[in-house]
Amino acid sequence: MRIVIAGGHGQIALRLERLLAARGDEAAGIIRNPEQSDDLRAVGAEPVVLDLESATVEETAEVLRGATAAVFAAGAGPNSGTGRKDTVDRGAAVLFADAAERAGVRRYVVVSSMGADPDHPGDEVFDVYLRAKGAADAYVRSRTALDWTILRPGMLTNDAGTGQVLLAASTGRGPVPRDDVAAVLLELLDTPATAGLTLELISGNVPVMVAVKDVAGN
């Protein structure tokens, strides 16, 4: 498989790229800063320098052509202002979905956020972020040419992964290691029957493979 990941230098993306490379798949990570290229190569991924805030749909589609799947794992980051929540967390997600359609890449997996909602109230930066992510998710769900799955993790931690999770349409709030988020993403990519599902993820007591098969109805 060739998997193209937007936000290729993110903490979850780097973990996913390492998992993909370890089993012999091709991982291409889209990054804005070329200085991050060596970090991607170190985990076995191909760096692709492209700024999704300024790129066109066609430029992005060129990167996606021939891919098995696309993963949107980009984010403006915790220190960004409200403007970049819209241009990255919403705008880049919409652009990437449009580009996947144009490139003929049907499988599309989104790393979203628990609580994402286009109608989320509040004026804090995090409220704006949740609205932006919610609007992006709503857009992706409207694209009938995409076999999309939206993953909404709880509070992300850098604890070592346990391989044990709770994955469901609604889980309640809780933490989850980034290691386990990456492991679930890998399993979702391998499980086309999860297309059309919006799933929440926190730590639990079900092995990742079993948890994904359960939500897929296998």
Protein backbone atom coordinates (compact mmCIF):
# COMPACT_ATOMS: atom_id res chain seq x y z
CA MET A 1 0.00 0.00 0.00
CA ARG A 2 0.99 3.61 -0.51
CA ILE A 3 -0.47 5.88 2.14
CA VAL A 4 -0.23 9.67 1.89
CA ILE A 5 -0.47 11.47 5.23
CA ALA A 6 -1.22 15.17 5.60
CA GLY A 7 0.56 16.60 8.62
CA GLY A 8 3.37 14.11 8.14
CA HIS A 9 5.54 15.49 10.94
CA GLY A 10 2.84 15.33 13.59
CA GLN A 11 3.34 13.07 16.57
CA ILE A 12 0.63 10.62 15.52
CA ALA A 13 1.66 10.76 11.86
CA LEU A 14 5.30 9.90 12.63
CA ARG A 15 4.15 6.89 14.64
CA LEU A 16 1.85 5.75 11.84
CA GLU A 17 4.58 6.21 9.26
CA ARG A 18 6.92 4.06 11.33
CA LEU A 19 4.28 1.31 11.58
CA LEU A 20 3.60 1.40 7.84
CA ALA A 21 7.28 1.31 6.92
CA ALA A 22 7.98 -1.52 9.36
CA ARG A 23 5.61 -3.81 7.51
CA GLY A 24 6.81 -2.79 4.06
CA ASP A 25 4.18 -0.26 3.02
CA GLU A 26 5.03 3.09 1.45
CA ALA A 27 4.30 6.08 3.64
CA ALA A 28 4.50 9.60 2.22
CA GLY A 29 4.19 12.45 4.69
CA ILE A 30 3.19 15.94 3.55
CA ILE A 31 5.14 18.61 5.41
CA ARG A 32 5.38 22.38 5.08
CA ASN A 33 8.90 22.74 6.46
CA PRO A 34 11.63 20.98 4.45
CA GLU A 35 13.83 20.92 7.55
CA GLN A 36 11.56 18.17 8.89
CA SER A 37 12.40 15.84 6.02
CA ASP A 38 15.11 13.93 7.88
CA ASP A 39 12.69 13.13 10.72
CA LEU A 40 10.37 11.45 8.23
CA ARG A 41 13.19 9.55 6.55
CA ALA A 42 14.29 8.33 9.99
CA VAL A 43 10.96 6.52 10.46
CA GLY A 44 10.99 5.18 6.90
CA ALA A 45 8.65 7.70 5.27
CA GLU A 46 9.02 9.76 2.12
CA PRO A 47 8.84 13.51 2.83
CA VAL A 48 6.71 15.57 0.45
CA VAL A 49 7.06 19.33 0.87
CA LEU A 50 3.73 21.05 0.22
CA ASP A 51 1.95 23.83 2.11
CA LEU A 52 -1.70 22.82 2.34
CA GLU A 53 -2.64 26.38 3.33
CA SER A 54 -1.57 27.71 -0.07
CA ALA A 55 -1.56 24.67 -2.38
CA THR A 56 -4.24 24.16 -5.02
CA VAL A 57 -6.45 21.11 -5.23
CA GLU A 58 -4.61 20.00 -8.37
CA GLU A 59 -1.17 20.36 -6.77
CA THR A 60 -2.34 18.26 -3.84
CA ALA A 61 -4.01 15.71 -6.09
CA GLU A 62 -0.67 15.18 -7.87
CA VAL A 63 0.80 14.02 -4.56
CA LEU A 64 -2.14 11.69 -3.98
CA ARG A 65 -2.32 10.05 -7.41
CA GLY A 66 -1.65 6.32 -7.19
CA ALA A 67 -2.12 6.19 -3.43
CA THR A 68 -4.10 3.42 -1.76
CA ALA A 69 -5.41 5.73 0.94
CA ALA A 70 -5.12 9.25 2.34
CA VAL A 71 -4.90 10.16 6.02
CA PHE A 72 -5.58 13.70 7.23
CA ALA A 73 -3.57 14.15 10.42
CA ALA A 74 -2.62 17.81 10.05
CA GLY A 75 -3.34 20.46 12.64
CA ALA A 76 -2.55 24.08 13.28
CA GLY A 77 -1.01 23.18 16.63
CA PRO A 78 -1.77 24.18 20.22
CA ASN A 79 0.02 27.54 20.01
CA SER A 80 -1.74 28.76 16.87
CA GLY A 81 -4.40 31.44 16.79
CA THR A 82 -7.99 31.28 15.64
CA GLY A 83 -7.13 32.18 12.03
CA ARG A 84 -5.04 29.05 11.48
CA LYS A 85 -7.70 26.87 13.07
CA ASP A 86 -9.80 27.81 10.06
CA THR A 87 -7.08 27.64 7.39
CA VAL A 88 -5.55 24.35 8.60
CA ASP A 89 -8.01 22.41 10.74
CA ARG A 90 -10.91 23.20 8.42
CA GLY A 91 -9.53 24.57 5.16
CA ALA A 92 -6.68 22.14 4.64
CA ALA A 93 -8.94 19.22 5.53
CA VAL A 94 -11.46 20.28 2.90
CA LEU A 95 -8.70 20.79 0.34
CA PHE A 96 -7.22 17.35 1.06
CA ALA A 97 -10.62 15.69 0.68
CA ASP A 98 -11.22 17.46 -2.63
CA ALA A 99 -7.75 16.45 -3.81
CA ALA A 100 -8.33 12.81 -2.85
CA GLU A 101 -11.51 12.82 -4.91
CA ARG A 102 -9.74 14.37 -7.90
CA ALA A 103 -6.90 11.82 -7.61
CA GLY A 104 -9.34 8.91 -7.41
CA VAL A 105 -8.28 7.92 -3.88
CA ARG A 106 -11.40 6.56 -2.23
CA ARG A 107 -10.09 5.50 1.20
CA TYR A 108 -9.87 8.57 3.41
CA VAL A 109 -9.19 8.51 7.14
CA VAL A 110 -9.39 11.62 9.31
CA VAL A 111 -7.79 12.22 12.69
CA SER A 112 -10.33 14.53 14.29
CA SER A 113 -10.98 15.42 17.92
CA MET A 114 -13.46 14.32 20.53
CA GLY A 115 -16.07 17.06 20.83
CA ALA A 116 -15.64 18.31 17.26
CA ASP A 117 -18.87 20.03 16.28
CA PRO A 118 -19.53 22.83 13.75
CA ASP A 119 -22.04 24.29 16.23
CA HIS A 120 -19.82 24.03 19.32
CA PRO A 121 -20.40 27.15 21.48
CA GLY A 122 -17.78 29.42 23.01
CA ASP A 123 -15.19 32.02 22.06
CA GLU A 124 -11.96 30.47 23.33
CA VAL A 125 -9.33 29.27 20.83
CA PHE A 126 -10.15 25.64 21.66
CA ASP A 127 -13.83 26.31 20.95
CA VAL A 128 -12.87 27.67 17.52
CA TYR A 129 -10.73 24.57 16.98
CA LEU A 130 -13.63 22.24 17.78
CA ARG A 131 -15.89 24.14 15.37
CA ALA A 132 -13.24 23.99 12.64
CA LYS A 133 -12.72 20.25 13.11
CA GLY A 134 -16.47 19.71 13.21
CA ALA A 135 -16.98 21.65 9.98
CA ALA A 136 -14.22 19.65 8.30
CA ASP A 137 -15.74 16.36 9.47
CA ALA A 138 -19.16 17.40 8.19
CA TYR A 139 -17.67 18.21 4.81
CA VAL A 140 -15.89 14.87 4.57
CA ARG A 141 -19.08 13.03 5.51
CA SER A 142 -20.84 14.73 2.60
CA ARG A 143 -18.39 13.38 0.01
CA THR A 144 -19.98 10.31 -1.55
CA ALA A 145 -16.85 9.61 -3.62
CA LEU A 146 -14.83 8.96 -0.46
CA ASP A 147 -14.84 5.85 1.71
CA TRP A 148 -14.20 7.90 4.82
CA THR A 149 -13.65 7.01 8.44
CA ILE A 150 -13.38 9.73 11.08
CA LEU A 151 -11.44 8.94 14.27
CA ARG A 152 -11.94 11.18 17.30
CA PRO A 153 -9.39 10.39 20.02
CA GLY A 154 -9.72 11.56 23.59
CA MET A 155 -6.96 13.38 25.48
CA LEU A 156 -3.69 12.47 23.78
CA THR A 157 -0.72 11.37 25.89
CA ASN A 158 2.84 10.27 25.21
CA ASP A 159 2.52 7.27 27.51
CA ALA A 160 3.64 3.98 25.99
CA GLY A 161 0.83 2.32 24.08
CA THR A 162 -0.89 -0.65 25.66
CA GLY A 163 -2.62 -1.99 22.54
CA GLN A 164 -5.86 -1.98 24.55
CA VAL A 165 -8.55 0.52 23.62
CA LEU A 166 -12.21 1.44 23.73
CA LEU A 167 -13.44 2.27 20.21
CA ALA A 168 -17.09 3.14 19.63
CA ALA A 169 -19.46 5.73 18.25
CA SER A 170 -19.48 7.21 21.75
CA THR A 171 -16.97 6.31 24.45
CA GLY A 172 -17.14 9.11 26.98
CA ARG A 173 -14.05 11.17 27.69
CA GLY A 174 -10.67 9.76 28.63
CA PRO A 175 -7.01 9.67 27.69
CA VAL A 176 -5.35 7.60 24.98
CA PRO A 177 -1.64 7.24 24.11
CA ARG A 178 -0.61 8.47 20.68
CA ASP A 179 0.96 5.03 20.14
CA ASP A 180 -2.48 3.45 20.35
CA VAL A 181 -4.06 6.07 18.09
CA ALA A 182 -1.49 5.22 15.41
CA ALA A 183 -2.13 1.50 15.87
CA VAL A 184 -5.87 2.04 15.44
CA LEU A 185 -5.30 4.14 12.32
CA LEU A 186 -3.24 1.32 10.83
CA GLU A 187 -6.00 -1.17 11.55
CA LEU A 188 -8.66 1.17 10.12
CA LEU A 189 -6.68 1.44 6.90
CA ASP A 190 -6.73 -2.35 6.69
CA THR A 191 -10.46 -2.57 7.39
CA PRO A 192 -12.55 -1.06 4.56
CA ALA A 193 -15.75 -2.06 6.36
CA THR A 194 -15.19 0.86 8.75
CA ALA A 195 -16.01 3.30 5.94
CA GLY A 196 -18.84 5.64 6.86
CA LEU A 197 -18.15 5.49 10.60
CA THR A 198 -17.31 8.31 13.01
CA LEU A 199 -15.58 6.73 16.00
CA GLU A 200 -14.36 7.92 19.38
CA LEU A 201 -11.24 6.38 20.91
CA ILE A 202 -9.88 6.19 24.46
CA SER A 203 -7.83 3.67 26.38
CA GLY A 204 -9.70 0.50 27.28
CA ASN A 205 -9.33 -3.24 27.60
CA VAL A 206 -9.99 -4.51 24.07
CA PRO A 207 -7.06 -5.33 21.74
CA VAL A 208 -6.84 -2.90 18.83
CA MET A 209 -7.48 -5.50 16.13
CA VAL A 210 -10.53 -6.85 17.94
CA ALA A 211 -11.88 -3.35 18.65
CA VAL A 212 -11.72 -2.40 14.96
CA LYS A 213 -13.30 -5.68 13.84
CA ASP A 214 -16.08 -5.18 16.36
CA VAL A 215 -17.03 -1.73 15.06
CA ALA A 216 -16.79 -2.99 11.48
CA GLY A 217 -19.24 -5.76 12.25
CA ASN A 218 -16.74 -8.51 11.41
